[in-house]
Amino acid sequence: MRLTDLLQLTNDLNNQTTFYLTIKGKILPLAKLKITADGCLLYPGQHPMSKLKIIHLVKQMHHKGIPLWIIDGKEKIPTYGIQIKDNGRWIRLT
């Protein structure tokens, strides 16, 4: 999945929608987003990031077609899709 795909799939959802990551069967809050030359790195943490925060971080980017990677320690896990839960109140990236 690419960053543009995520932005398009969540376009109609509330800006307060929060994001979570699936890592080894566990659901963890998406707390940090880091843009690198080869992708968008998603890190778990304590508090989930909102859609508004993600949009704020990437709105000035010109090339948003970069792949999304979930980071688990030193392992990069590719992101394949999303699940929209509780009528759009939170999203799980898998």
PDB file of N, CA and C in Angstrom:
ATOM      1  N   MET A   1       0.849  -1.168   0.000  1.00  0.00           N
ATOM      2  CA  MET A   1       0.000   0.000   0.000  1.00  0.00           C
ATOM      3  C   MET A   1       0.899   1.236   0.000  1.00  0.00           C
ATOM      4  N   ARG A   2       0.438   2.258  -0.668  1.00  0.00           N
ATOM      5  CA  ARG A   2       1.178   3.518  -0.752  1.00  0.00           C
ATOM      6  C   ARG A   2       0.460   4.601   0.050  1.00  0.00           C
ATOM      7  N   LEU A   3       1.172   5.665   0.349  1.00  0.00           N
ATOM      8  CA  LEU A   3       0.606   6.768   1.120  1.00  0.00           C
ATOM      9  C   LEU A   3      -0.600   7.363   0.404  1.00  0.00           C
ATOM     10  N   THR A   4      -0.537   7.491  -0.918  1.00  0.00           N
ATOM     11  CA  THR A   4      -1.683   8.042  -1.661  1.00  0.00           C
ATOM     12  C   THR A   4      -2.912   7.162  -1.502  1.00  0.00           C
ATOM     13  N   ASP A   5      -2.724   5.841  -1.475  1.00  0.00           N
ATOM     14  CA  ASP A   5      -3.848   4.916  -1.283  1.00  0.00           C
ATOM     15  C   ASP A   5      -4.506   5.148   0.075  1.00  0.00           C
ATOM     16  N   LEU A   6      -3.692   5.279   1.106  1.00  0.00           N
ATOM     17  CA  LEU A   6      -4.220   5.513   2.455  1.00  0.00           C
ATOM     18  C   LEU A   6      -5.008   6.816   2.513  1.00  0.00           C
ATOM     19  N   LEU A   7      -4.478   7.869   1.924  1.00  0.00           N
ATOM     20  CA  LEU A   7      -5.160   9.165   1.940  1.00  0.00           C
ATOM     21  C   LEU A   7      -6.479   9.113   1.174  1.00  0.00           C
ATOM     22  N   GLN A   8      -6.503   8.404   0.046  1.00  0.00           N
ATOM     23  CA  GLN A   8      -7.735   8.284  -0.744  1.00  0.00           C
ATOM     24  C   GLN A   8      -8.782   7.442  -0.022  1.00  0.00           C
ATOM     25  N   LEU A   9      -8.364   6.334   0.588  1.00  0.00           N
ATOM     26  CA  LEU A   9      -9.308   5.449   1.275  1.00  0.00           C
ATOM     27  C   LEU A   9      -9.922   6.091   2.516  1.00  0.00           C
ATOM     28  N   THR A  10      -9.218   7.024   3.124  1.00  0.00           N
ATOM     29  CA  THR A  10      -9.708   7.663   4.344  1.00  0.00           C
ATOM     30  C   THR A  10     -10.244   9.069   4.095  1.00  0.00           C
ATOM     31  N   ASN A  11     -10.349   9.465   2.858  1.00  0.00           N
ATOM     32  CA  ASN A  11     -10.756  10.828   2.505  1.00  0.00           C
ATOM     33  C   ASN A  11     -12.103  11.228   3.100  1.00  0.00           C
ATOM     34  N   ASP A  12     -13.070  10.335   3.110  1.00  0.00           N
ATOM     35  CA  ASP A  12     -14.421  10.661   3.575  1.00  0.00           C
ATOM     36  C   ASP A  12     -14.614  10.492   5.085  1.00  0.00           C
ATOM     37  N   LEU A  13     -13.595  10.077   5.791  1.00  0.00           N
ATOM     38  CA  LEU A  13     -13.728   9.834   7.226  1.00  0.00           C
ATOM     39  C   LEU A  13     -13.465  11.096   8.038  1.00  0.00           C
ATOM     40  N   ASN A  14     -13.938  11.081   9.265  1.00  0.00           N
ATOM     41  CA  ASN A  14     -13.775  12.183  10.205  1.00  0.00           C
ATOM     42  C   ASN A  14     -12.291  12.446  10.471  1.00  0.00           C
ATOM     43  N   ASN A  15     -11.914  13.702  10.643  1.00  0.00           N
ATOM     44  CA  ASN A  15     -10.523  14.065  10.916  1.00  0.00           C
ATOM     45  C   ASN A  15     -10.027  13.557  12.270  1.00  0.00           C
ATOM     46  N   GLN A  16     -10.931  13.192  13.166  1.00  0.00           N
ATOM     47  CA  GLN A  16     -10.537  12.676  14.479  1.00  0.00           C
ATOM     48  C   GLN A  16     -10.371  11.156  14.485  1.00  0.00           C
ATOM     49  N   THR A  17     -10.546  10.517  13.338  1.00  0.00           N
ATOM     50  CA  THR A  17     -10.331   9.078  13.218  1.00  0.00           C
ATOM     51  C   THR A  17      -8.897   8.758  13.619  1.00  0.00           C
ATOM     52  N   THR A  18      -8.710   7.733  14.438  1.00  0.00           N
ATOM     53  CA  THR A  18      -7.370   7.367  14.899  1.00  0.00           C
ATOM     54  C   THR A  18      -6.877   6.115  14.179  1.00  0.00           C
ATOM     55  N   PHE A  19      -5.558   5.949  14.158  1.00  0.00           N
ATOM     56  CA  PHE A  19      -4.923   4.873  13.409  1.00  0.00           C
ATOM     57  C   PHE A  19      -4.178   3.918  14.331  1.00  0.00           C
ATOM     58  N   TYR A  20      -4.276   2.633  13.982  1.00  0.00           N
ATOM     59  CA  TYR A  20      -3.604   1.572  14.724  1.00  0.00           C
ATOM     60  C   TYR A  20      -2.881   0.668  13.739  1.00  0.00           C
ATOM     61  N   LEU A  21      -1.853  -0.027  14.227  1.00  0.00           N
ATOM     62  CA  LEU A  21      -1.053  -0.935  13.412  1.00  0.00           C
ATOM     63  C   LEU A  21      -1.255  -2.364  13.887  1.00  0.00           C
ATOM     64  N   THR A  22      -1.194  -3.309  12.960  1.00  0.00           N
ATOM     65  CA  THR A  22      -1.221  -4.723  13.315  1.00  0.00           C
ATOM     66  C   THR A  22       0.203  -5.251  13.214  1.00  0.00           C
ATOM     67  N   ILE A  23       0.766  -5.645  14.358  1.00  0.00           N
ATOM     68  CA  ILE A  23       2.126  -6.179  14.391  1.00  0.00           C
ATOM     69  C   ILE A  23       2.097  -7.512  15.121  1.00  0.00           C
ATOM     70  N   LYS A  24       2.388  -8.583  14.379  1.00  0.00           N
ATOM     71  CA  LYS A  24       2.421  -9.945  14.937  1.00  0.00           C
ATOM     72  C   LYS A  24       1.146 -10.276  15.697  1.00  0.00           C
ATOM     73  N   GLY A  25       0.007  -9.923  15.120  1.00  0.00           N
ATOM     74  CA  GLY A  25      -1.285 -10.229  15.705  1.00  0.00           C
ATOM     75  C   GLY A  25      -1.765  -9.256  16.769  1.00  0.00           C
ATOM     76  N   LYS A  26      -0.935  -8.319  17.163  1.00  0.00           N
ATOM     77  CA  LYS A  26      -1.321  -7.328  18.173  1.00  0.00           C
ATOM     78  C   LYS A  26      -1.725  -6.024  17.495  1.00  0.00           C
ATOM     79  N   ILE A  27      -2.684  -5.332  18.092  1.00  0.00           N
ATOM     80  CA  ILE A  27      -3.120  -4.033  17.588  1.00  0.00           C
ATOM     81  C   ILE A  27      -2.497  -2.962  18.473  1.00  0.00           C
ATOM     82  N   LEU A  28      -1.631  -2.138  17.861  1.00  0.00           N
ATOM     83  CA  LEU A  28      -0.902  -1.102  18.594  1.00  0.00           C
ATOM     84  C   LEU A  28      -1.167   0.265  17.977  1.00  0.00           C
ATOM     85  N   PRO A  29      -1.194   1.331  18.781  1.00  0.00           N
ATOM     86  CA  PRO A  29      -1.434   2.675  18.250  1.00  0.00           C
ATOM     87  C   PRO A  29      -0.316   3.125  17.308  1.00  0.00           C
ATOM     88  N   LEU A  30      -0.695   3.763  16.207  1.00  0.00           N
ATOM     89  CA  LEU A  30       0.272   4.419  15.317  1.00  0.00           C
ATOM     90  C   LEU A  30       0.634   5.746  15.974  1.00  0.00           C
ATOM     91  N   ALA A  31       1.878   5.860  16.452  1.00  0.00           N
ATOM     92  CA  ALA A  31       2.271   7.043  17.215  1.00  0.00           C
ATOM     93  C   ALA A  31       3.243   7.950  16.478  1.00  0.00           C
ATOM     94  N   LYS A  32       3.938   7.405  15.477  1.00  0.00           N
ATOM     95  CA  LYS A  32       4.956   8.201  14.793  1.00  0.00           C
ATOM     96  C   LYS A  32       4.966   7.852  13.316  1.00  0.00           C
ATOM     97  N   LEU A  33       5.121   8.869  12.487  1.00  0.00           N
ATOM     98  CA  LEU A  33       5.201   8.709  11.042  1.00  0.00           C
ATOM     99  C   LEU A  33       6.478   9.400  10.595  1.00  0.00           C
ATOM    100  N   LYS A  34       7.327   8.677   9.872  1.00  0.00           N
ATOM    101  CA  LYS A  34       8.601   9.234   9.421  1.00  0.00           C
ATOM    102  C   LYS A  34       8.714   9.043   7.914  1.00  0.00           C
ATOM    103  N   ILE A  35       9.001  10.127   7.204  1.00  0.00           N
ATOM    104  CA  ILE A  35       9.159  10.074   5.753  1.00  0.00           C
ATOM    105  C   ILE A  35      10.638   9.917   5.431  1.00  0.00           C
ATOM    106  N   THR A  36      10.964   8.916   4.612  1.00  0.00           N
ATOM    107  CA  THR A  36      12.335   8.711   4.155  1.00  0.00           C
ATOM    108  C   THR A  36      12.336   8.697   2.634  1.00  0.00           C
ATOM    109  N   ALA A  37      13.512   8.546   2.050  1.00  0.00           N
ATOM    110  CA  ALA A  37      13.632   8.536   0.594  1.00  0.00           C
ATOM    111  C   ALA A  37      12.924   7.338  -0.034  1.00  0.00           C
ATOM    112  N   ASP A  38      12.841   6.230   0.695  1.00  0.00           N
ATOM    113  CA  ASP A  38      12.251   5.023   0.107  1.00  0.00           C
ATOM    114  C   ASP A  38      10.903   4.632   0.684  1.00  0.00           C
ATOM    115  N   GLY A  39      10.317   5.458   1.547  1.00  0.00           N
ATOM    116  CA  GLY A  39       8.999   5.106   2.056  1.00  0.00           C
ATOM    117  C   GLY A  39       8.548   5.927   3.240  1.00  0.00           C
ATOM    118  N   CYS A  40       7.349   5.595   3.683  1.00  0.00           N
ATOM    119  CA  CYS A  40       6.734   6.226   4.845  1.00  0.00           C
ATOM    120  C   CYS A  40       6.752   5.179   5.957  1.00  0.00           C
ATOM    121  N   LEU A  41       7.501   5.459   7.020  1.00  0.00           N
ATOM    122  CA  LEU A  41       7.678   4.507   8.105  1.00  0.00           C
ATOM    123  C   LEU A  41       6.683   4.794   9.217  1.00  0.00           C
ATOM    124  N   LEU A  42       5.977   3.760   9.656  1.00  0.00           N
ATOM    125  CA  LEU A  42       4.937   3.877  10.674  1.00  0.00           C
ATOM    126  C   LEU A  42       5.398   3.161  11.938  1.00  0.00           C
ATOM    127  N   TYR A  43       5.464   3.889  13.034  1.00  0.00           N
ATOM    128  CA  TYR A  43       5.969   3.354  14.293  1.00  0.00           C
ATOM    129  C   TYR A  43       4.857   3.253  15.332  1.00  0.00           C
ATOM    130  N   PRO A  44       4.825   2.163  16.108  1.00  0.00           N
ATOM    131  CA  PRO A  44       3.858   2.062  17.206  1.00  0.00           C
ATOM    132  C   PRO A  44       4.317   2.885  18.403  1.00  0.00           C
ATOM    133  N   GLY A  45       3.370   3.198  19.282  1.00  0.00           N
ATOM    134  CA  GLY A  45       3.696   3.958  20.485  1.00  0.00           C
ATOM    135  C   GLY A  45       2.542   3.945  21.462  1.00  0.00           C
ATOM    136  N   GLN A  46       2.470   4.960  22.304  1.00  0.00           N
ATOM    137  CA  GLN A  46       1.475   5.015  23.364  1.00  0.00           C
ATOM    138  C   GLN A  46       0.125   5.571  22.924  1.00  0.00           C
ATOM    139  N   HIS A  47       0.133   6.644  22.134  1.00  0.00           N
ATOM    140  CA  HIS A  47      -1.105   7.337  21.779  1.00  0.00           C
ATOM    141  C   HIS A  47      -1.312   7.314  20.264  1.00  0.00           C
ATOM    142  N   PRO A  48      -2.521   6.967  19.805  1.00  0.00           N
ATOM    143  CA  PRO A  48      -2.763   6.877  18.361  1.00  0.00           C
ATOM    144  C   PRO A  48      -2.805   8.246  17.683  1.00  0.00           C
ATOM    145  N   MET A  49      -2.279   8.285  16.484  1.00  0.00           N
ATOM    146  CA  MET A  49      -2.273   9.491  15.674  1.00  0.00           C
ATOM    147  C   MET A  49      -3.633   9.637  14.988  1.00  0.00           C
ATOM    148  N   SER A  50      -4.103  10.863  14.846  1.00  0.00           N
ATOM    149  CA  SER A  50      -5.386  11.115  14.181  1.00  0.00           C
ATOM    150  C   SER A  50      -5.168  11.372  12.690  1.00  0.00           C
ATOM    151  N   LYS A  51      -6.241  11.278  11.938  1.00  0.00           N
ATOM    152  CA  LYS A  51      -6.192  11.565  10.508  1.00  0.00           C
ATOM    153  C   LYS A  51      -5.738  13.002  10.278  1.00  0.00           C
ATOM    154  N   LEU A  52      -6.212  13.929  11.083  1.00  0.00           N
ATOM    155  CA  LEU A  52      -5.837  15.337  10.956  1.00  0.00           C
ATOM    156  C   LEU A  52      -4.331  15.524  11.131  1.00  0.00           C
ATOM    157  N   LYS A  53      -3.740  14.835  12.087  1.00  0.00           N
ATOM    158  CA  LYS A  53      -2.295  14.928  12.326  1.00  0.00           C
ATOM    159  C   LYS A  53      -1.517  14.376  11.136  1.00  0.00           C
ATOM    160  N   ILE A  54      -1.964  13.248  10.582  1.00  0.00           N
ATOM    161  CA  ILE A  54      -1.289  12.658   9.425  1.00  0.00           C
ATOM    162  C   ILE A  54      -1.367  13.603   8.237  1.00  0.00           C
ATOM    163  N   ILE A  55      -2.538  14.155   7.981  1.00  0.00           N
ATOM    164  CA  ILE A  55      -2.699  15.094   6.869  1.00  0.00           C
ATOM    165  C   ILE A  55      -1.789  16.301   7.062  1.00  0.00           C
ATOM    166  N   HIS A  56      -1.717  16.808   8.281  1.00  0.00           N
ATOM    167  CA  HIS A  56      -0.853  17.955   8.573  1.00  0.00           C
ATOM    168  C   HIS A  56       0.616  17.635   8.274  1.00  0.00           C
ATOM    169  N   LEU A  57       1.049  16.419   8.590  1.00  0.00           N
ATOM    170  CA  LEU A  57       2.441  16.029   8.377  1.00  0.00           C
ATOM    171  C   LEU A  57       2.802  15.849   6.907  1.00  0.00           C
ATOM    172  N   VAL A  58       1.844  15.408   6.082  1.00  0.00           N
ATOM    173  CA  VAL A  58       2.174  15.082   4.688  1.00  0.00           C
ATOM    174  C   VAL A  58       1.614  16.071   3.667  1.00  0.00           C
ATOM    175  N   LYS A  59       0.918  17.108   4.104  1.00  0.00           N
ATOM    176  CA  LYS A  59       0.245  17.991   3.150  1.00  0.00           C
ATOM    177  C   LYS A  59       1.200  18.748   2.236  1.00  0.00           C
ATOM    178  N   GLN A  60       2.415  19.028   2.668  1.00  0.00           N
ATOM    179  CA  GLN A  60       3.371  19.776   1.854  1.00  0.00           C
ATOM    180  C   GLN A  60       4.202  18.882   0.925  1.00  0.00           C
ATOM    181  N   MET A  61       4.033  17.579   1.034  1.00  0.00           N
ATOM    182  CA  MET A  61       4.795  16.654   0.184  1.00  0.00           C
ATOM    183  C   MET A  61       4.283  16.702  -1.246  1.00  0.00           C
ATOM    184  N   HIS A  62       5.201  16.616  -2.193  1.00  0.00           N
ATOM    185  CA  HIS A  62       4.810  16.600  -3.602  1.00  0.00           C
ATOM    186  C   HIS A  62       4.643  15.175  -4.120  1.00  0.00           C
ATOM    187  N   HIS A  63       5.472  14.269  -3.669  1.00  0.00           N
ATOM    188  CA  HIS A  63       5.421  12.881  -4.135  1.00  0.00           C
ATOM    189  C   HIS A  63       4.900  12.001  -3.002  1.00  0.00           C
ATOM    190  N   LYS A  64       3.612  11.653  -3.076  1.00  0.00           N
ATOM    191  CA  LYS A  64       2.991  10.856  -2.014  1.00  0.00           C
ATOM    192  C   LYS A  64       2.815   9.396  -2.409  1.00  0.00           C
ATOM    193  N   GLY A  65       3.407   8.990  -3.518  1.00  0.00           N
ATOM    194  CA  GLY A  65       3.272   7.617  -3.980  1.00  0.00           C
ATOM    195  C   GLY A  65       4.285   6.668  -3.365  1.00  0.00           C
ATOM    196  N   ILE A  66       4.753   6.971  -2.174  1.00  0.00           N
ATOM    197  CA  ILE A  66       5.756   6.141  -1.515  1.00  0.00           C
ATOM    198  C   ILE A  66       5.081   5.010  -0.731  1.00  0.00           C
ATOM    199  N   PRO A  67       5.759   3.866  -0.606  1.00  0.00           N
ATOM    200  CA  PRO A  67       5.153   2.739   0.118  1.00  0.00           C
ATOM    201  C   PRO A  67       5.097   2.981   1.623  1.00  0.00           C
ATOM    202  N   LEU A  68       4.113   2.354   2.256  1.00  0.00           N
ATOM    203  CA  LEU A  68       3.963   2.405   3.713  1.00  0.00           C
ATOM    204  C   LEU A  68       4.622   1.166   4.320  1.00  0.00           C
ATOM    205  N   TRP A  69       5.420   1.370   5.357  1.00  0.00           N
ATOM    206  CA  TRP A  69       6.082   0.282   6.060  1.00  0.00           C
ATOM    207  C   TRP A  69       5.783   0.396   7.547  1.00  0.00           C
ATOM    208  N   ILE A  70       5.363  -0.702   8.171  1.00  0.00           N
ATOM    209  CA  ILE A  70       5.204  -0.757   9.622  1.00  0.00           C
ATOM    210  C   ILE A  70       6.550  -1.194  10.197  1.00  0.00           C
ATOM    211  N   ILE A  71       7.037  -0.460  11.186  1.00  0.00           N
ATOM    212  CA  ILE A  71       8.338  -0.758  11.777  1.00  0.00           C
ATOM    213  C   ILE A  71       8.145  -1.479  13.108  1.00  0.00           C
ATOM    214  N   ASP A  72       8.761  -2.660  13.204  1.00  0.00           N
ATOM    215  CA  ASP A  72       8.742  -3.455  14.434  1.00  0.00           C
ATOM    216  C   ASP A  72      10.193  -3.740  14.806  1.00  0.00           C
ATOM    217  N   GLY A  73      10.750  -2.925  15.678  1.00  0.00           N
ATOM    218  CA  GLY A  73      12.171  -3.056  16.009  1.00  0.00           C
ATOM    219  C   GLY A  73      13.002  -2.669  14.803  1.00  0.00           C
ATOM    220  N   LYS A  74      13.728  -3.637  14.242  1.00  0.00           N
ATOM    221  CA  LYS A  74      14.528  -3.383  13.037  1.00  0.00           C
ATOM    222  C   LYS A  74      13.874  -3.974  11.792  1.00  0.00           C
ATOM    223  N   GLU A  75      12.712  -4.561  11.954  1.00  0.00           N
ATOM    224  CA  GLU A  75      12.006  -5.207  10.845  1.00  0.00           C
ATOM    225  C   GLU A  75      11.034  -4.241  10.175  1.00  0.00           C
ATOM    226  N   LYS A  76      11.052  -4.223   8.837  1.00  0.00           N
ATOM    227  CA  LYS A  76      10.100  -3.433   8.054  1.00  0.00           C
ATOM    228  C   LYS A  76       9.028  -4.377   7.518  1.00  0.00           C
ATOM    229  N   ILE A  77       7.779  -4.124   7.890  1.00  0.00           N
ATOM    230  CA  ILE A  77       6.659  -4.966   7.478  1.00  0.00           C
ATOM    231  C   ILE A  77       5.834  -4.190   6.456  1.00  0.00           C
ATOM    232  N   PRO A  78       5.615  -4.745   5.253  1.00  0.00           N
ATOM    233  CA  PRO A  78       4.805  -4.022   4.263  1.00  0.00           C
ATOM    234  C   PRO A  78       3.349  -3.910   4.709  1.00  0.00           C
ATOM    235  N   THR A  79       2.713  -2.822   4.330  1.00  0.00           N
ATOM    236  CA  THR A  79       1.304  -2.595   4.642  1.00  0.00           C
ATOM    237  C   THR A  79       0.479  -2.975   3.420  1.00  0.00           C
ATOM    238  N   TYR A  80      -0.515  -3.839   3.617  1.00  0.00           N
ATOM    239  CA  TYR A  80      -1.319  -4.332   2.512  1.00  0.00           C
ATOM    240  C   TYR A  80      -2.709  -3.717   2.433  1.00  0.00           C
ATOM    241  N   GLY A  81      -3.245  -3.243   3.534  1.00  0.00           N
ATOM    242  CA  GLY A  81      -4.596  -2.706   3.500  1.00  0.00           C
ATOM    243  C   GLY A  81      -5.011  -2.116   4.827  1.00  0.00           C
ATOM    244  N   ILE A  82      -6.282  -1.687   4.868  1.00  0.00           N
ATOM    245  CA  ILE A  82      -6.821  -1.103   6.093  1.00  0.00           C
ATOM    246  C   ILE A  82      -8.154  -1.759   6.423  1.00  0.00           C
ATOM    247  N   GLN A  83      -8.516  -1.697   7.690  1.00  0.00           N
ATOM    248  CA  GLN A  83      -9.840  -2.096   8.151  1.00  0.00           C
ATOM    249  C   GLN A  83     -10.425  -0.910   8.896  1.00  0.00           C
ATOM    250  N   ILE A  84     -11.594  -0.479   8.474  1.00  0.00           N
ATOM    251  CA  ILE A  84     -12.267   0.649   9.120  1.00  0.00           C
ATOM    252  C   ILE A  84     -13.195   0.079  10.184  1.00  0.00           C
ATOM    253  N   LYS A  85     -12.998   0.492  11.430  1.00  0.00           N
ATOM    254  CA  LYS A  85     -13.727  -0.063  12.567  1.00  0.00           C
ATOM    255  C   LYS A  85     -14.631   0.982  13.207  1.00  0.00           C
ATOM    256  N   ASP A  86     -15.669   0.520  13.898  1.00  0.00           N
ATOM    257  CA  ASP A  86     -16.587   1.378  14.673  1.00  0.00           C
ATOM    258  C   ASP A  86     -17.093   2.573  13.876  1.00  0.00           C
ATOM    259  N   ASN A  87     -17.621   2.313  12.697  1.00  0.00           N
ATOM    260  CA  ASN A  87     -18.179   3.367  11.835  1.00  0.00           C
ATOM    261  C   ASN A  87     -17.185   4.488  11.558  1.00  0.00           C
ATOM    262  N   GLY A  88     -15.922   4.131  11.345  1.00  0.00           N
ATOM    263  CA  GLY A  88     -14.917   5.117  10.982  1.00  0.00           C
ATOM    264  C   GLY A  88     -14.241   5.809  12.142  1.00  0.00           C
ATOM    265  N   ARG A  89     -14.462   5.342  13.360  1.00  0.00           N
ATOM    266  CA  ARG A  89     -13.821   5.984  14.518  1.00  0.00           C
ATOM    267  C   ARG A  89     -12.344   5.623  14.629  1.00  0.00           C
ATOM    268  N   TRP A  90     -11.969   4.431  14.136  1.00  0.00           N
ATOM    269  CA  TRP A  90     -10.556   4.073  14.114  1.00  0.00           C
ATOM    270  C   TRP A  90     -10.265   3.141  12.951  1.00  0.00           C
ATOM    271  N   ILE A  91      -9.010   3.139  12.533  1.00  0.00           N
ATOM    272  CA  ILE A  91      -8.567   2.375  11.370  1.00  0.00           C
ATOM    273  C   ILE A  91      -7.392   1.503  11.782  1.00  0.00           C
ATOM    274  N   ARG A  92      -7.417   0.266  11.295  1.00  0.00           N
ATOM    275  CA  ARG A  92      -6.312  -0.656  11.549  1.00  0.00           C
ATOM    276  C   ARG A  92      -5.586  -0.920  10.240  1.00  0.00           C
ATOM    277  N   LEU A  93      -4.301  -0.620  10.217  1.00  0.00           N
ATOM    278  CA  LEU A  93      -3.468  -0.915   9.054  1.00  0.00           C
ATOM    279  C   LEU A  93      -2.898  -2.307   9.209  1.00  0.00           C
ATOM    280  N   THR A  94      -2.999  -3.109   8.156  1.00  0.00           N
ATOM    281  CA  THR A  94      -2.507  -4.487   8.205  1.00  0.00           C
ATOM    282  C   THR A  94      -1.500  -4.723   7.109  1.00  0.00           C
TER     283      THR A  94
END
